Protein backbone atom coordinates (compact mmCIF):
# COMPACT_ATOMS: atom_id res chain seq x y z
CA MET A 1 96.76 85.62 46.35
CA PHE A 2 96.07 88.98 44.67
CA TRP A 3 92.31 88.42 44.53
CA GLU A 4 92.09 87.52 48.23
CA ARG A 5 94.04 90.60 49.23
CA PHE A 6 92.09 92.89 46.90
CA TYR A 7 88.73 91.47 47.99
CA ASN A 8 89.54 91.75 51.69
CA LEU A 9 90.74 95.33 51.30
CA CYS A 10 87.46 96.15 49.57
CA ILE A 11 85.44 94.55 52.39
CA ARG A 12 87.59 96.24 55.04
CA ASN A 13 86.71 99.57 53.39
CA GLY A 14 83.00 98.73 53.29
CA LYS A 15 82.89 98.37 49.51
CA LYS A 16 82.51 95.68 46.89
CA PRO A 17 85.16 94.96 44.24
CA ASN A 18 83.28 96.27 41.17
CA PRO A 19 82.53 99.72 42.66
CA VAL A 20 86.17 100.02 43.74
CA GLY A 21 87.24 99.11 40.22
CA LYS A 22 84.96 101.80 38.83
CA GLU A 23 86.41 104.37 41.23
CA VAL A 24 89.91 103.73 39.89
CA GLY A 25 88.72 103.58 36.27
CA LEU A 26 88.48 99.84 35.61
CA SER A 27 85.84 97.69 33.95
CA SER A 28 83.98 94.87 35.68
CA GLY A 29 85.57 92.52 33.13
CA ILE A 30 89.01 93.27 34.57
CA ILE A 31 87.71 92.55 38.07
CA SER A 32 86.33 89.20 36.85
CA LYS A 33 89.73 88.29 35.39
CA TRP A 34 91.32 88.91 38.79
CA LYS A 35 88.69 86.75 40.48
CA ASN A 36 89.69 83.95 38.11
CA GLY A 37 93.40 84.22 38.91
CA GLY A 38 94.63 87.17 36.86
CA ILE A 39 96.70 90.00 38.26
CA PRO A 40 96.68 93.69 37.34
CA ASN A 41 99.32 95.38 35.24
CA GLY A 42 101.88 97.63 36.93
CA GLU A 43 99.99 100.89 36.46
CA THR A 44 96.75 99.44 37.82
CA LEU A 45 98.59 97.81 40.69
CA MET A 46 100.03 101.18 41.68
CA LYS A 47 96.58 102.83 41.49
CA LEU A 48 95.14 100.16 43.78
CA ALA A 49 98.05 100.45 46.22
CA ARG A 50 97.47 104.21 46.46
CA TYR A 51 93.70 103.74 46.73
CA PHE A 52 94.01 101.29 49.66
CA ASN A 53 97.18 102.85 51.12
CA VAL A 54 99.09 99.56 50.98
CA SER A 55 102.23 98.44 49.19
CA THR A 56 102.22 96.76 45.80
CA ASP A 57 104.16 93.95 47.50
CA TYR A 58 101.26 93.43 49.88
CA LEU A 59 98.75 93.29 47.02
CA LEU A 60 100.85 90.72 45.17
CA GLY A 61 101.37 88.56 48.24
CA LEU A 62 105.09 89.31 48.46
CA SER A 63 104.75 90.92 51.89
CA PRO A 64 102.47 89.86 54.75
CA TYR A 65 102.40 93.37 56.25
CA ILE A 66 99.72 96.00 55.98
CA GLN A 67 99.74 99.36 57.71
CA ILE A 68 96.79 100.03 60.03
CA ASN A 69 96.69 103.24 62.08
CA GLY A 70 100.35 103.83 61.23
CA GLU A 71 101.43 100.43 62.55
CA ASN A 72 102.72 97.53 60.42
CA ILE A 73 100.51 94.51 61.09
CA LYS A 74 101.31 91.04 59.80
CA MET A 75 98.24 89.74 57.96
CA GLU A 76 98.68 85.97 57.77
CA TYR A 77 95.02 85.31 57.15
CA SER A 78 92.25 87.13 55.36
CA ASP A 79 89.76 88.96 57.59
CA GLU A 80 87.12 86.31 56.93
CA LEU A 81 89.49 83.44 57.80
CA LEU A 82 90.51 85.23 60.99
CA LYS A 83 86.89 85.75 62.01
CA LYS A 84 86.11 82.09 61.33
CA LYS A 85 89.12 80.89 63.31
CA ILE A 86 88.28 83.18 66.24
CA THR A 87 84.64 82.06 66.23
CA GLU A 88 85.68 78.39 66.24
CA ASN A 89 88.01 78.99 69.18
CA ILE A 90 85.42 80.99 71.14
CA SER A 91 82.93 78.14 70.86
CA LYS A 92 85.42 75.91 72.73
CA LEU A 93 85.80 78.23 75.73
CA ASN A 94 84.08 77.76 79.08
CA ASN A 95 82.60 80.72 80.98
CA GLU A 96 85.88 81.61 82.69
CA GLY A 97 87.69 81.56 79.36
CA LEU A 98 85.02 83.80 77.80
CA ILE A 99 85.38 86.32 80.63
CA ARG A 100 89.18 86.37 80.24
CA LEU A 101 88.86 86.76 76.47
CA SER A 102 86.38 89.61 76.91
CA ASP A 103 88.72 91.40 79.33
CA TYR A 104 91.72 90.86 77.06
CA SER A 105 89.94 92.08 73.94
CA GLN A 106 88.73 95.21 75.75
CA ASP A 107 92.27 95.89 76.97
CA LEU A 108 93.59 95.41 73.43
CA VAL A 109 91.06 97.81 71.94
CA SER A 110 91.71 100.40 74.65
CA SER A 111 95.50 100.22 74.56
CA LYS A 112 96.20 100.10 70.83
CA ASN A 113 93.10 101.57 69.24
CA TYR A 114 92.39 98.45 67.17
CA GLU A 115 88.68 99.24 66.94
CA LYS A 116 87.07 99.17 63.55
CA GLU A 117 86.92 102.64 62.11
CA VAL A 118 83.38 103.94 62.07
CA GLU A 119 82.36 106.85 59.92
CA ILE A 120 80.89 109.66 61.93
CA GLU A 121 78.36 111.74 60.09
CA ASN A 122 78.61 115.43 60.71
CA GLU A 123 75.32 116.95 61.68
CA ILE A 124 74.68 120.42 60.38
């Protein structure tokens, strides 16, 4: 559970696990241990929670909630599993269903600001 959550948070932030580990002062060996089922010690867990702005409970799989744009969102699936499930469902829709889904998703993005955050480079 920890590895999935850690990995998905890395991906969500546009980074890979080893560079994130380096940023918080960890070796790639520690990251490999996590990939193979290990979990971080308390101090490291707190560093990662601060780094990703999530709770330690979320990282350990004790809570399904993550805060996005100040709103608690229940994360039952990893981002990759969600994308796969959505893609499978989309492939089953007829044209009318696709149009309704497109309209709904646009309304959702507009009303709740669920768009992916995109870095804007400042031009000097």
